[in-house]
């Protein structure tokens, strides 16, 4: 990977590349990119963990919730999951659908990583019927639901910083065989438009990530969906939260063997790189692409409204290793104020409906 990055930098104007170009290569290069490599990334053997890998309850509850939407709104039972990772969410969703709902379901997985497509086939192939494609552009427009969990936080971003009252873009170069940052006066009109649309006014020495790839992704999502809902589970900040002094250095960081790494230029191709997403921009750009906001909830609030407490077993089991005890602990971990879900939000958008927040939950 470092050899490729050196070549990329040396062949670029002024021998500098943007952070977005660096992340695009470090994460998505077909051969050397982190997500493309044949190695475990999720769970104890990987670098990070996701909600769906804590327990199957997350995927099972989403299946019941989506079934309610389909019945209430007469929506076609089609699910398109973006970036399904090791397939654990899909497995839980499909198991619940098969066991309790038992109506025909079409499940599409959009996955760019050949390694993850292989893991998904191994996990799901014999028990469930799924359709795998490499890109949203390969999906024919449909009615149903598009779901993603921690997708937008992994999209490449550009980075800017305010120094002595001027805006600079942070670029990546090479010095003494090491990747380095270099500040270049900001001239990118797309970034300037983002700042204007988002009403962001950086303070002195503040840096922030600019998610230009988000708009393209939202357009592709909207083009794929004729009618239905888009459910995005991710972590991020509102504009007000971005302006908090604690976010003055932005949110870009790496995860390497379950350790958070501040310097994302380390371990290129071997480390996950992630950023908190701009929720206000996601909602704003979604509306410009015909994806109207229904509601935005903290993930634990969403799970409670979706009925997770009904999943708690009513009887006590003294064996802490039993299936019942493990399941109940997982449920509690998903709704505890200090748990993982408190860091995530669920954004629900619609196309072709006129729904409000109460319409999408059972009374």
Protein backbone atom coordinates (compact mmCIF):
# COMPACT_ATOMS: atom_id res chain seq x y z
CA UNK A 1 0.00 0.00 0.00
CA UNK A 2 2.74 2.51 0.89
CA UNK A 3 4.38 1.93 -2.49
CA UNK A 4 1.08 2.61 -4.24
CA UNK A 5 0.50 5.77 -2.16
CA UNK A 6 3.99 7.06 -2.96
CA UNK A 7 3.32 6.58 -6.66
CA UNK A 8 -0.10 8.23 -6.37
CA UNK A 9 1.40 11.23 -4.57
CA UNK A 10 4.41 11.61 -6.83
CA UNK A 11 2.14 11.63 -9.91
CA UNK A 12 -0.29 14.18 -8.47
CA UNK A 13 -0.17 17.97 -8.93
CA UNK A 14 2.36 19.49 -6.52
CA UNK A 15 2.98 15.93 -5.30
CA UNK A 16 0.05 16.18 -2.90
CA UNK A 17 -3.25 14.31 -2.61
CA UNK A 18 -6.43 15.15 -0.69
CA UNK A 19 -7.49 13.26 2.41
CA UNK A 20 -10.38 11.86 0.35
CA UNK A 21 -7.92 10.43 -2.18
CA UNK A 22 -5.81 8.97 0.64
CA UNK A 23 -8.84 7.37 2.32
CA UNK A 24 -10.17 6.10 -1.00
CA UNK A 25 -6.91 4.26 -1.58
CA UNK A 26 -6.27 3.14 2.02
CA UNK A 27 -9.77 1.73 2.43
CA UNK A 28 -11.02 0.80 -1.05
CA UNK A 29 -8.06 0.04 -3.34
CA UNK A 30 -9.03 -3.25 -5.06
CA UNK A 31 -5.88 -5.04 -3.92
CA UNK A 32 -4.38 -3.11 -0.98
CA UNK A 33 -7.43 -1.37 0.54
CA UNK A 34 -8.37 -2.22 4.11
CA UNK A 35 -11.95 -3.25 3.33
CA UNK A 36 -10.91 -5.28 0.29
CA UNK A 37 -8.32 -7.47 1.99
CA UNK A 38 -8.88 -11.08 3.00
CA UNK A 39 -8.73 -10.46 6.74
CA UNK A 40 -11.17 -10.28 9.63
CA UNK A 41 -12.15 -6.69 10.41
CA UNK A 42 -15.20 -7.05 12.67
CA UNK A 43 -15.30 -8.74 16.10
CA UNK A 44 -12.62 -9.90 18.51
CA UNK A 45 -10.30 -11.03 15.73
CA UNK A 46 -10.64 -7.73 13.88
CA UNK A 47 -10.26 -4.03 14.59
CA UNK A 48 -13.76 -2.91 15.61
CA UNK A 49 -17.22 -4.14 16.56
CA UNK A 50 -20.69 -3.19 15.29
CA UNK A 51 -24.12 -3.32 16.93
CA UNK A 52 -25.23 -6.30 14.87
CA UNK A 53 -22.26 -8.31 16.13
CA UNK A 54 -23.24 -7.89 19.79
CA UNK A 55 -26.38 -9.97 19.37
CA UNK A 56 -28.88 -11.16 16.77
CA UNK A 57 -31.56 -9.13 18.56
CA UNK A 58 -30.77 -6.02 16.49
CA UNK A 59 -31.41 -7.69 13.13
CA UNK A 60 -34.40 -9.65 14.42
CA UNK A 61 -36.07 -6.53 15.82
CA UNK A 62 -35.48 -4.66 12.55
CA UNK A 63 -37.22 -7.49 10.69
CA UNK A 64 -40.31 -7.21 12.90
CA UNK A 65 -40.31 -3.43 12.61
CA UNK A 66 -40.01 -3.49 8.80
CA UNK A 67 -42.78 -6.10 8.62
CA UNK A 68 -45.03 -3.65 10.49
CA UNK A 69 -44.20 -0.91 7.96
CA UNK A 70 -44.92 -3.23 5.04
CA UNK A 71 -48.33 -4.23 6.43
CA UNK A 72 -49.35 -0.72 7.45
CA UNK A 73 -48.26 1.00 4.24
CA UNK A 74 -48.73 -1.93 1.84
CA UNK A 75 -45.05 -1.67 0.99
CA UNK A 76 -43.28 -4.38 -1.01
CA UNK A 77 -41.12 -6.57 1.30
CA UNK A 78 -37.77 -5.83 -0.35
CA UNK A 79 -34.65 -4.99 1.67
CA UNK A 80 -31.42 -3.60 0.25
CA UNK A 81 -28.58 -3.58 2.77
CA UNK A 82 -25.57 -1.40 1.95
CA UNK A 83 -22.21 -2.67 3.16
CA UNK A 84 -23.30 -5.83 4.97
CA UNK A 85 -19.86 -6.71 6.37
CA UNK A 86 -19.71 -10.27 7.64
CA UNK A 87 -23.46 -10.77 7.08
CA UNK A 88 -24.49 -11.06 10.74
CA UNK A 89 -27.25 -8.44 10.50
CA UNK A 90 -28.65 -10.04 7.35
CA UNK A 91 -28.59 -13.48 8.98
CA UNK A 92 -30.55 -12.28 12.03
CA UNK A 93 -33.04 -10.33 9.89
CA UNK A 94 -33.63 -13.28 7.55
CA UNK A 95 -33.94 -15.80 10.39
CA UNK A 96 -36.61 -13.71 12.10
CA UNK A 97 -38.47 -13.19 8.83
CA UNK A 98 -38.37 -16.90 8.05
CA UNK A 99 -39.44 -18.00 11.53
CA UNK A 100 -42.17 -15.50 12.47
CA UNK A 101 -43.26 -13.44 9.46
CA UNK A 102 -43.13 -16.14 6.80
CA UNK A 103 -44.06 -14.05 3.77
CA UNK A 104 -41.98 -13.78 0.58
CA UNK A 105 -39.00 -11.42 1.01
CA UNK A 106 -36.34 -10.22 -1.40
CA UNK A 107 -33.01 -9.39 0.27
CA UNK A 108 -30.33 -7.54 -1.72
CA UNK A 109 -26.82 -6.94 -0.40
CA UNK A 110 -24.68 -4.22 -1.96
CA UNK A 111 -21.09 -5.06 -1.06
CA UNK A 112 -17.96 -3.80 -2.79
CA UNK A 113 -15.55 -6.07 -0.89
CA UNK A 114 -15.00 -9.51 -2.48
CA UNK A 115 -13.83 -10.83 0.92
CA UNK A 116 -17.04 -9.72 2.62
CA UNK A 117 -19.16 -11.11 -0.21
CA UNK A 118 -17.44 -14.45 0.40
CA UNK A 119 -18.15 -14.28 4.15
CA UNK A 120 -21.78 -13.44 3.46
CA UNK A 121 -22.17 -16.38 1.07
CA UNK A 122 -20.61 -18.73 3.62
CA UNK A 123 -22.95 -17.51 6.36
CA UNK A 124 -26.17 -17.14 4.36
CA UNK A 125 -25.80 -19.09 1.14
CA UNK A 126 -27.36 -22.44 2.05
CA UNK A 127 -30.15 -21.22 4.33
CA UNK A 128 -31.40 -18.05 2.68
CA UNK A 129 -31.95 -16.64 -0.77
CA UNK A 130 -30.05 -13.38 -1.24
CA UNK A 131 -28.92 -11.26 -4.17
CA UNK A 132 -25.39 -9.86 -4.00
CA UNK A 133 -24.17 -6.96 -6.13
CA UNK A 134 -21.04 -4.85 -6.05
CA UNK A 135 -22.64 -1.44 -6.44
CA UNK A 136 -25.96 0.36 -6.02
CA UNK A 137 -25.80 1.06 -9.75
CA UNK A 138 -26.33 -2.69 -10.26
CA UNK A 139 -29.67 -2.59 -8.42
CA UNK A 140 -32.85 -2.10 -10.44
CA UNK A 141 -35.12 0.54 -8.91
CA UNK A 142 -37.49 -1.03 -6.39
CA UNK A 143 -40.00 -0.42 -3.60
CA UNK A 144 -38.98 -1.33 -0.06
CA UNK A 145 -36.26 -0.39 2.41
CA UNK A 146 -32.60 0.60 2.04
CA UNK A 147 -30.70 -0.05 5.26
CA UNK A 148 -27.14 0.75 6.28
CA UNK A 149 -25.23 0.41 9.53
CA UNK A 150 -21.99 2.41 9.80
CA UNK A 151 -21.76 3.07 6.07
CA UNK A 152 -21.48 6.85 5.83
CA UNK A 153 -18.78 7.07 8.50
CA UNK A 154 -16.47 5.06 6.23
CA UNK A 155 -16.85 7.27 3.14
CA UNK A 156 -13.77 9.31 2.15
CA UNK A 157 -13.75 12.90 3.41
CA UNK A 158 -11.64 15.97 2.82
CA UNK A 159 -10.18 17.92 5.74
CA UNK A 160 -9.94 21.68 6.20
CA UNK A 161 -8.56 23.93 8.94
CA UNK A 162 -8.66 27.63 9.78
CA UNK A 163 -5.25 29.21 10.44
CA UNK A 164 -4.65 32.92 10.97
CA UNK A 165 -8.16 33.65 9.73
CA UNK A 166 -7.71 31.75 6.44
CA UNK A 167 -9.12 28.41 5.36
CA UNK A 168 -6.69 25.68 4.29
CA UNK A 169 -7.22 22.20 2.90
CA UNK A 170 -5.09 19.55 4.59
CA UNK A 171 -3.27 17.57 1.92
CA UNK A 172 -1.08 14.45 2.12
CA UNK A 173 2.49 14.31 0.86
CA UNK A 174 5.69 12.29 1.37
CA UNK A 175 8.77 13.40 3.29
CA UNK A 176 11.69 11.19 4.33
CA UNK A 177 9.70 8.17 3.20
CA UNK A 178 6.85 9.08 5.59
CA UNK A 179 3.31 10.31 4.90
CA UNK A 180 2.89 13.90 6.09
CA UNK A 181 0.20 16.58 6.18
CA UNK A 182 0.61 19.87 4.33
CA UNK A 183 -1.71 22.88 4.40
CA UNK A 184 -2.78 24.40 1.08
CA UNK A 185 -4.93 27.51 0.74
CA UNK A 186 -8.53 26.33 0.19
CA UNK A 187 -9.75 26.83 -3.39
CA UNK A 188 -12.06 23.84 -3.86
CA UNK A 189 -15.45 25.32 -4.82
CA UNK A 190 -17.34 22.20 -3.69
CA UNK A 191 -15.90 22.51 -0.19
CA UNK A 192 -16.74 26.22 -0.11
CA UNK A 193 -20.31 25.38 -1.17
CA UNK A 194 -20.52 22.77 1.59
CA UNK A 195 -19.49 25.35 4.19
CA UNK A 196 -22.04 27.83 2.88
CA UNK A 197 -24.90 25.31 2.67
CA UNK A 198 -24.10 23.89 6.10
CA UNK A 199 -23.72 27.36 7.64
CA UNK A 200 -20.38 26.33 9.12
CA UNK A 201 -18.05 29.08 10.30
CA UNK A 202 -14.80 27.59 11.58
CA UNK A 203 -13.10 29.06 14.61
CA UNK A 204 -9.36 29.72 14.67
CA UNK A 205 -7.33 26.46 14.59
CA UNK A 206 -10.51 24.40 14.16
CA UNK A 207 -10.44 21.56 11.63
CA UNK A 208 -13.36 19.62 10.27
CA UNK A 209 -14.09 16.83 7.82
CA UNK A 210 -15.99 17.61 4.62
CA UNK A 211 -18.22 14.73 3.38
CA UNK A 212 -18.54 15.49 -0.32
CA UNK A 213 -19.04 11.78 -1.10
CA UNK A 214 -22.20 11.77 1.02
CA UNK A 215 -24.20 13.73 -1.56
CA UNK A 216 -23.33 11.28 -4.35
CA UNK A 217 -24.27 8.32 -2.16
CA UNK A 218 -27.64 9.88 -1.28
CA UNK A 219 -28.38 10.53 -4.96
CA UNK A 220 -27.64 6.87 -5.78
CA UNK A 221 -29.84 5.72 -2.90
CA UNK A 222 -32.73 7.88 -4.09
CA UNK A 223 -32.33 6.73 -7.69
CA UNK A 224 -32.53 3.11 -6.54
CA UNK A 225 -35.68 3.60 -4.49
CA UNK A 226 -39.02 4.15 -6.25
CA UNK A 227 -41.00 4.19 -3.01
CA UNK A 228 -40.12 3.27 0.54
CA UNK A 229 -37.89 4.14 3.48
CA UNK A 230 -34.17 4.66 4.00
CA UNK A 231 -32.82 3.70 7.43
CA UNK A 232 -29.33 4.94 8.29
CA UNK A 233 -27.70 3.87 11.57
CA UNK A 234 -24.47 5.71 12.29
CA UNK A 235 -22.63 8.00 14.67
CA UNK A 236 -22.20 11.71 14.04
CA UNK A 237 -22.92 15.26 15.12
CA UNK A 238 -25.39 18.02 14.39
CA UNK A 239 -24.06 21.45 13.37
CA UNK A 240 -24.39 22.66 16.96
CA UNK A 241 -22.39 19.66 18.22
CA UNK A 242 -19.69 20.19 15.58
CA UNK A 243 -19.19 23.72 16.92
CA UNK A 244 -18.55 22.46 20.46
CA UNK A 245 -14.91 23.26 21.44
CA UNK A 246 -14.37 19.56 22.18
CA UNK A 247 -14.68 18.86 18.43
CA UNK A 248 -12.09 21.50 17.49
CA UNK A 249 -9.75 18.93 15.91
CA UNK A 250 -12.48 17.09 14.00
CA UNK A 251 -13.34 13.42 14.38
CA UNK A 252 -11.10 11.55 11.94
CA UNK A 253 -9.51 8.53 13.60
CA UNK A 254 -8.36 5.00 12.97
CA UNK A 255 -9.11 1.69 14.66
CA UNK A 256 -6.34 -0.86 14.73
CA UNK A 257 -6.71 -4.07 16.76
CA UNK A 258 -9.44 -2.40 18.86
CA UNK A 259 -7.19 0.56 19.68
CA UNK A 260 -8.16 4.09 18.63
CA UNK A 261 -5.38 5.76 16.61
CA UNK A 262 -5.42 9.56 16.27
CA UNK A 263 -2.91 9.65 13.40
CA UNK A 264 -4.81 8.08 10.49
CA UNK A 265 -1.70 8.16 8.30
CA UNK A 266 -0.36 5.21 10.27
CA UNK A 267 -0.83 1.63 9.01
CA UNK A 268 -2.36 2.55 5.60
CA UNK A 269 -4.34 -0.39 4.27
CA UNK A 270 -4.11 -2.18 7.62
CA UNK A 271 -6.36 0.07 9.70
CA UNK A 272 -9.99 1.14 9.63
CA UNK A 273 -10.43 4.90 9.14
CA UNK A 274 -13.64 6.55 10.22
CA UNK A 275 -15.27 9.92 10.86
CA UNK A 276 -18.41 11.16 12.56
CA UNK A 277 -20.99 12.09 9.96
CA UNK A 278 -22.73 15.45 9.49
CA UNK A 279 -26.35 14.64 10.35
CA UNK A 280 -27.75 18.02 9.29
CA UNK A 281 -26.03 17.72 5.91
CA UNK A 282 -27.31 14.13 5.51
CA UNK A 283 -30.87 15.31 6.12
CA UNK A 284 -30.50 18.42 3.94
CA UNK A 285 -28.95 16.58 0.98
CA UNK A 286 -31.44 13.77 1.39
CA UNK A 287 -34.33 16.20 1.01
CA UNK A 288 -32.72 17.60 -2.14
CA UNK A 289 -32.74 14.01 -3.48
CA UNK A 290 -36.44 13.42 -2.65
CA UNK A 291 -35.66 11.66 0.64
CA UNK A 292 -37.82 13.41 3.20
CA UNK A 293 -36.96 13.10 6.89
CA UNK A 294 -39.42 11.12 9.00
CA UNK A 295 -37.46 11.09 12.24
CA UNK A 296 -33.97 11.03 13.76
CA UNK A 297 -33.60 9.14 17.03
CA UNK A 298 -30.77 8.00 19.22
CA UNK A 299 -30.38 4.28 18.54
CA UNK A 300 -31.48 3.23 22.03
CA UNK A 301 -34.61 5.39 21.65
CA UNK A 302 -35.33 3.80 18.28
CA UNK A 303 -34.94 0.29 19.71
CA UNK A 304 -37.28 1.08 22.60
CA UNK A 305 -39.93 2.50 20.23
CA UNK A 306 -39.49 -0.54 17.98
CA UNK A 307 -40.35 -2.82 20.91
CA UNK A 308 -37.06 -4.21 22.20
CA UNK A 309 -38.42 -4.50 25.75
CA UNK A 310 -40.94 -7.07 24.50
CA UNK A 311 -37.96 -9.24 23.61
CA UNK A 312 -36.78 -9.50 27.23
CA UNK A 313 -37.52 -12.95 28.63
CA UNK A 314 -39.87 -12.79 31.62
CA UNK A 315 -38.29 -15.58 33.60
CA UNK A 316 -35.04 -15.54 35.55
CA UNK A 317 -32.28 -17.96 34.65
CA UNK A 318 -29.52 -18.32 37.27
CA UNK A 319 -27.09 -19.64 34.65
CA UNK A 320 -25.24 -16.55 33.31
CA UNK A 321 -24.11 -18.54 30.27
CA UNK A 322 -27.56 -19.66 29.17
CA UNK A 323 -29.07 -18.45 25.90
CA UNK A 324 -31.76 -16.51 27.81
CA UNK A 325 -29.23 -14.76 30.07
CA UNK A 326 -26.94 -13.85 27.18
CA UNK A 327 -29.87 -12.51 25.18
CA UNK A 328 -31.15 -10.39 28.06
CA UNK A 329 -27.67 -8.97 28.70
CA UNK A 330 -27.38 -8.07 25.02
CA UNK A 331 -30.74 -6.29 25.09
CA UNK A 332 -29.75 -4.33 28.18
CA UNK A 333 -26.41 -3.38 26.62
CA UNK A 334 -28.27 -1.94 23.61
CA UNK A 335 -30.56 0.29 25.67
CA UNK A 336 -28.42 1.30 28.67
CA UNK A 337 -27.65 5.05 28.66
CA UNK A 338 -23.93 4.29 28.85
CA UNK A 339 -24.09 1.51 26.25
CA UNK A 340 -23.04 1.37 22.62
CA UNK A 341 -26.39 2.58 21.28
CA UNK A 342 -26.11 5.95 23.01
CA UNK A 343 -23.38 6.91 20.52
CA UNK A 344 -25.48 6.02 17.46
CA UNK A 345 -28.47 7.63 15.80
CA UNK A 346 -31.03 6.18 13.43
CA UNK A 347 -32.18 8.48 10.63
CA UNK A 348 -35.37 7.39 8.85
CA UNK A 349 -36.18 9.00 5.50
CA UNK A 350 -39.01 8.34 3.07
CA UNK A 351 -39.73 8.54 -0.62
CA UNK A 352 -43.22 8.38 -2.08
CA UNK A 353 -44.91 8.48 1.35
CA UNK A 354 -46.23 11.14 3.67
CA UNK A 355 -45.38 9.60 7.04
CA UNK A 356 -44.52 11.11 10.41
CA UNK A 357 -42.57 9.71 13.33
CA UNK A 358 -45.54 8.00 14.97
CA UNK A 359 -46.58 6.30 11.72
CA UNK A 360 -43.50 4.07 11.66
CA UNK A 361 -43.97 2.55 15.11
CA UNK A 362 -46.72 0.30 16.39
CA UNK A 363 -49.02 1.93 18.91
